[in-house]
Amino acid sequence: MDVRIGVTQAPRELTIELAEDTDRDELKARVEAALVGASDVLWVTDKRGKDVAIPAAKIAYVELGSSDGDRRIGFGG
């Protein structure tokens, strides 16, 4: 699963590739908790085991998607 996180006052978004067995509902609950202020930092672990911390106050948006659906090769739509 791919997660894209927009960070305020940053020109690029964070793209994190998670393990396929990541619980989508649990991740959504952690994102919601960070956005409502229940936690100050959103911690996400990528598929290689590296931990990434995003300050909750700087999160602009979060997109959850599958990693196989948006990988296209070639030109056009």
C-alpha atoms as a PDB file:
ATOM      1  CA  MET A   1       0.000   0.000   0.000  1.00  0.00           C
ATOM      2  CA  ASP A   2       1.231   3.501  -0.804  1.00  0.00           C
ATOM      3  CA  VAL A   3       0.659   6.475   1.479  1.00  0.00           C
ATOM      4  CA  ARG A   4       1.133  10.043   0.268  1.00  0.00           C
ATOM      5  CA  ILE A   5       1.293  12.746   2.918  1.00  0.00           C
ATOM      6  CA  GLY A   6       1.216  16.431   2.107  1.00  0.00           C
ATOM      7  CA  VAL A   7       3.171  18.578   4.523  1.00  0.00           C
ATOM      8  CA  THR A   8       2.420  22.280   4.960  1.00  0.00           C
ATOM      9  CA  GLN A   9       5.118  24.693   3.832  1.00  0.00           C
ATOM     10  CA  ALA A  10       6.961  21.907   1.962  1.00  0.00           C
ATOM     11  CA  PRO A  11       7.174  21.819  -1.840  1.00  0.00           C
ATOM     12  CA  ARG A  12       6.959  18.029  -2.098  1.00  0.00           C
ATOM     13  CA  GLU A  13       4.787  15.365  -0.549  1.00  0.00           C
ATOM     14  CA  LEU A  14       6.029  12.326   1.343  1.00  0.00           C
ATOM     15  CA  THR A  15       5.440   9.005  -0.419  1.00  0.00           C
ATOM     16  CA  ILE A  16       5.815   5.962   1.790  1.00  0.00           C
ATOM     17  CA  GLU A  17       5.433   2.394   0.562  1.00  0.00           C
ATOM     18  CA  LEU A  18       3.975   0.195   3.293  1.00  0.00           C
ATOM     19  CA  ALA A  19       3.913  -3.566   3.583  1.00  0.00           C
ATOM     20  CA  GLU A  20       0.946  -5.177   1.831  1.00  0.00           C
ATOM     21  CA  ASP A  21      -0.278  -6.674   5.115  1.00  0.00           C
ATOM     22  CA  THR A  22      -0.637  -3.231   6.737  1.00  0.00           C
ATOM     23  CA  ASP A  23      -4.051  -2.800   8.371  1.00  0.00           C
ATOM     24  CA  ARG A  24      -5.685   0.054   6.456  1.00  0.00           C
ATOM     25  CA  ASP A  25      -8.320   0.740   9.139  1.00  0.00           C
ATOM     26  CA  GLU A  26      -5.713   0.903  11.903  1.00  0.00           C
ATOM     27  CA  LEU A  27      -3.621   3.344   9.849  1.00  0.00           C
ATOM     28  CA  LYS A  28      -6.676   5.507   9.180  1.00  0.00           C
ATOM     29  CA  ALA A  29      -7.415   5.564  12.907  1.00  0.00           C
ATOM     30  CA  ARG A  30      -3.848   6.708  13.687  1.00  0.00           C
ATOM     31  CA  VAL A  31      -4.063   9.443  11.020  1.00  0.00           C
ATOM     32  CA  GLU A  32      -7.400  10.646  12.395  1.00  0.00           C
ATOM     33  CA  ALA A  33      -5.980  10.671  15.938  1.00  0.00           C
ATOM     34  CA  ALA A  34      -3.073  12.808  14.769  1.00  0.00           C
ATOM     35  CA  LEU A  35      -5.354  15.218  12.901  1.00  0.00           C
ATOM     36  CA  VAL A  36      -7.688  15.793  15.865  1.00  0.00           C
ATOM     37  CA  GLY A  37      -4.754  16.370  18.214  1.00  0.00           C
ATOM     38  CA  ALA A  38      -4.815  13.120  20.177  1.00  0.00           C
ATOM     39  CA  SER A  39      -1.162  12.575  19.236  1.00  0.00           C
ATOM     40  CA  ASP A  40       1.511  15.094  18.311  1.00  0.00           C
ATOM     41  CA  VAL A  41       3.381  12.830  15.881  1.00  0.00           C
ATOM     42  CA  LEU A  42       2.201  10.360  13.249  1.00  0.00           C
ATOM     43  CA  TRP A  43       4.593   7.418  13.073  1.00  0.00           C
ATOM     44  CA  VAL A  44       4.531   5.262   9.937  1.00  0.00           C
ATOM     45  CA  THR A  45       6.735   2.210   9.259  1.00  0.00           C
ATOM     46  CA  ASP A  46       7.610   1.512   5.633  1.00  0.00           C
ATOM     47  CA  LYS A  47       7.945  -1.935   4.051  1.00  0.00           C
ATOM     48  CA  ARG A  48      11.688  -2.046   4.819  1.00  0.00           C
ATOM     49  CA  GLY A  49      11.103  -1.404   8.531  1.00  0.00           C
ATOM     50  CA  LYS A  50      12.197   2.243   8.552  1.00  0.00           C
ATOM     51  CA  ASP A  51      10.153   4.491  10.864  1.00  0.00           C
ATOM     52  CA  VAL A  52       9.038   7.901   9.601  1.00  0.00           C
ATOM     53  CA  ALA A  53       7.702  10.619  11.923  1.00  0.00           C
ATOM     54  CA  ILE A  54       5.451  13.407  10.685  1.00  0.00           C
ATOM     55  CA  PRO A  55       4.455  16.244  13.041  1.00  0.00           C
ATOM     56  CA  ALA A  56       0.653  16.178  13.251  1.00  0.00           C
ATOM     57  CA  ALA A  57       0.410  19.976  13.067  1.00  0.00           C
ATOM     58  CA  LYS A  58       2.170  19.973   9.657  1.00  0.00           C
ATOM     59  CA  ILE A  59      -0.051  17.372   7.929  1.00  0.00           C
ATOM     60  CA  ALA A  60      -1.982  18.958   5.037  1.00  0.00           C
ATOM     61  CA  TYR A  61      -3.529  15.780   3.577  1.00  0.00           C
ATOM     62  CA  VAL A  62      -3.134  11.998   3.514  1.00  0.00           C
ATOM     63  CA  GLU A  63      -3.890   9.680   0.579  1.00  0.00           C
ATOM     64  CA  LEU A  64      -4.101   5.935   1.092  1.00  0.00           C
ATOM     65  CA  GLY A  65      -3.894   3.771  -2.015  1.00  0.00           C
ATOM     66  CA  SER A  66      -2.698   0.482  -3.368  1.00  0.00           C
ATOM     67  CA  SER A  67       0.777   0.284  -4.851  1.00  0.00           C
ATOM     68  CA  ASP A  68      -0.198  -1.807  -7.885  1.00  0.00           C
ATOM     69  CA  GLY A  69      -3.012   0.369  -9.248  1.00  0.00           C
ATOM     70  CA  ASP A  70      -1.172   3.548 -10.168  1.00  0.00           C
ATOM     71  CA  ARG A  71       2.065   2.200 -11.631  1.00  0.00           C
ATOM     72  CA  ARG A  72       1.759   2.613 -15.386  1.00  0.00           C
ATOM     73  CA  ILE A  73       4.329   2.327 -18.109  1.00  0.00           C
ATOM     74  CA  GLY A  74       4.178   4.213 -21.376  1.00  0.00           C
ATOM     75  CA  PHE A  75       2.568   7.345 -22.705  1.00  0.00           C
ATOM     76  CA  GLY A  76      -0.982   8.611 -22.465  1.00  0.00           C
ATOM     77  CA  GLY A  77      -3.835   7.652 -20.233  1.00  0.00           C
END
